[in-house]
Amino acid sequence: MSRLLVAKEINPLSIEDQWYKVAYNIETFLINAGAKEGDYTLVDLYSLAQSHVLENIKEINKENAILVYPNPS
């Protein structure tokens, strides 16, 4: 079975690369679980990866949050 995504070097600071990595891992899981060609699409992989990537972004934003208070007038 041919993969839709190929292994590649990623930049850990790139959201796009993180999304690709998660989608690649999901495809690996599907193949290992017995998925056949045509069982999923590239859009399926990215859609399944989306919630994980967004949750990671939320966690990063929480860790780096800066509290901004209104300037007293």
C-alpha atoms as a PDB file:
ATOM      1  CA  MET A   1       0.000   0.000   0.000  1.00  0.00           C
ATOM      2  CA  SER A   2       1.338   3.433  -0.864  1.00  0.00           C
ATOM      3  CA  ARG A   3       1.170   6.157   1.745  1.00  0.00           C
ATOM      4  CA  LEU A   4      -0.409   9.554   1.158  1.00  0.00           C
ATOM      5  CA  LEU A   5       2.221  11.212   3.360  1.00  0.00           C
ATOM      6  CA  VAL A   6       5.965  10.521   3.334  1.00  0.00           C
ATOM      7  CA  ALA A   7       8.414  10.815   6.212  1.00  0.00           C
ATOM      8  CA  LYS A   8      10.286  14.121   6.219  1.00  0.00           C
ATOM      9  CA  GLU A   9      12.322  16.323   8.505  1.00  0.00           C
ATOM     10  CA  ILE A  10      10.162  18.744  10.445  1.00  0.00           C
ATOM     11  CA  ASN A  11      10.752  22.007  12.231  1.00  0.00           C
ATOM     12  CA  PRO A  12       9.383  21.580  15.776  1.00  0.00           C
ATOM     13  CA  LEU A  13       8.552  25.300  15.888  1.00  0.00           C
ATOM     14  CA  SER A  14       6.409  25.165  12.750  1.00  0.00           C
ATOM     15  CA  ILE A  15       2.673  24.642  13.207  1.00  0.00           C
ATOM     16  CA  GLU A  16       2.418  23.310   9.662  1.00  0.00           C
ATOM     17  CA  ASP A  17       5.170  20.769  10.303  1.00  0.00           C
ATOM     18  CA  GLN A  18       3.609  19.696  13.597  1.00  0.00           C
ATOM     19  CA  TRP A  19       0.285  19.208  11.840  1.00  0.00           C
ATOM     20  CA  TYR A  20       2.029  17.143   9.151  1.00  0.00           C
ATOM     21  CA  LYS A  21       3.745  15.023  11.800  1.00  0.00           C
ATOM     22  CA  VAL A  22       0.470  14.249  13.577  1.00  0.00           C
ATOM     23  CA  ALA A  23      -1.259  13.451  10.265  1.00  0.00           C
ATOM     24  CA  TYR A  24       1.663  11.175   9.333  1.00  0.00           C
ATOM     25  CA  ASN A  25       1.400   9.374  12.676  1.00  0.00           C
ATOM     26  CA  ILE A  26      -2.351   8.926  12.200  1.00  0.00           C
ATOM     27  CA  GLU A  27      -1.742   7.437   8.765  1.00  0.00           C
ATOM     28  CA  THR A  28       0.813   5.055  10.275  1.00  0.00           C
ATOM     29  CA  PHE A  29      -1.735   4.005  12.885  1.00  0.00           C
ATOM     30  CA  LEU A  30      -4.404   3.426  10.223  1.00  0.00           C
ATOM     31  CA  ILE A  31      -2.045   1.320   8.091  1.00  0.00           C
ATOM     32  CA  ASN A  32      -0.972  -0.719  11.117  1.00  0.00           C
ATOM     33  CA  ALA A  33      -4.651  -1.239  11.978  1.00  0.00           C
ATOM     34  CA  GLY A  34      -5.288  -2.692   8.521  1.00  0.00           C
ATOM     35  CA  ALA A  35      -6.532   0.272   6.487  1.00  0.00           C
ATOM     36  CA  LYS A  36      -6.467  -0.333   2.757  1.00  0.00           C
ATOM     37  CA  GLU A  37      -5.855   2.086  -0.096  1.00  0.00           C
ATOM     38  CA  GLY A  38      -8.938   4.279  -0.474  1.00  0.00           C
ATOM     39  CA  ASP A  39     -10.100   3.841   3.147  1.00  0.00           C
ATOM     40  CA  TYR A  40      -9.030   7.422   3.940  1.00  0.00           C
ATOM     41  CA  THR A  41      -8.034  10.638   2.182  1.00  0.00           C
ATOM     42  CA  LEU A  42      -5.453  13.324   2.817  1.00  0.00           C
ATOM     43  CA  VAL A  43      -8.262  15.550   4.120  1.00  0.00           C
ATOM     44  CA  ASP A  44      -9.258  12.783   6.553  1.00  0.00           C
ATOM     45  CA  LEU A  45      -5.722  12.659   7.956  1.00  0.00           C
ATOM     46  CA  TYR A  46      -5.500  16.410   8.445  1.00  0.00           C
ATOM     47  CA  SER A  47      -9.020  16.582   9.890  1.00  0.00           C
ATOM     48  CA  LEU A  48      -8.199  13.877  12.419  1.00  0.00           C
ATOM     49  CA  ALA A  49      -4.953  15.671  13.320  1.00  0.00           C
ATOM     50  CA  GLN A  50      -6.588  19.089  13.701  1.00  0.00           C
ATOM     51  CA  SER A  51      -7.973  18.719  17.228  1.00  0.00           C
ATOM     52  CA  HIS A  52      -4.670  17.396  18.561  1.00  0.00           C
ATOM     53  CA  VAL A  53      -2.673  20.220  16.997  1.00  0.00           C
ATOM     54  CA  LEU A  54      -5.119  22.881  18.211  1.00  0.00           C
ATOM     55  CA  GLU A  55      -4.997  21.450  21.740  1.00  0.00           C
ATOM     56  CA  ASN A  56      -1.198  21.660  21.662  1.00  0.00           C
ATOM     57  CA  ILE A  57      -1.400  25.297  20.564  1.00  0.00           C
ATOM     58  CA  LYS A  58      -3.786  26.055  23.440  1.00  0.00           C
ATOM     59  CA  GLU A  59      -1.389  24.446  25.923  1.00  0.00           C
ATOM     60  CA  ILE A  60       1.563  26.403  24.552  1.00  0.00           C
ATOM     61  CA  ASN A  61      -0.443  29.624  24.775  1.00  0.00           C
ATOM     62  CA  LYS A  62      -1.382  28.874  28.400  1.00  0.00           C
ATOM     63  CA  GLU A  63       2.253  28.305  29.322  1.00  0.00           C
ATOM     64  CA  ASN A  64       3.358  31.517  27.632  1.00  0.00           C
ATOM     65  CA  ALA A  65       0.371  33.649  28.605  1.00  0.00           C
ATOM     66  CA  ILE A  66       1.016  37.253  29.466  1.00  0.00           C
ATOM     67  CA  LEU A  67      -1.534  39.040  31.567  1.00  0.00           C
ATOM     68  CA  VAL A  68      -2.349  42.479  30.202  1.00  0.00           C
ATOM     69  CA  TYR A  69      -4.184  44.925  32.410  1.00  0.00           C
ATOM     70  CA  PRO A  70      -5.886  48.090  31.218  1.00  0.00           C
ATOM     71  CA  ASN A  71      -3.837  51.217  31.602  1.00  0.00           C
ATOM     72  CA  PRO A  72      -5.365  53.170  34.520  1.00  0.00           C
ATOM     73  CA  SER A  73      -6.453  56.618  33.388  1.00  0.00           C
END
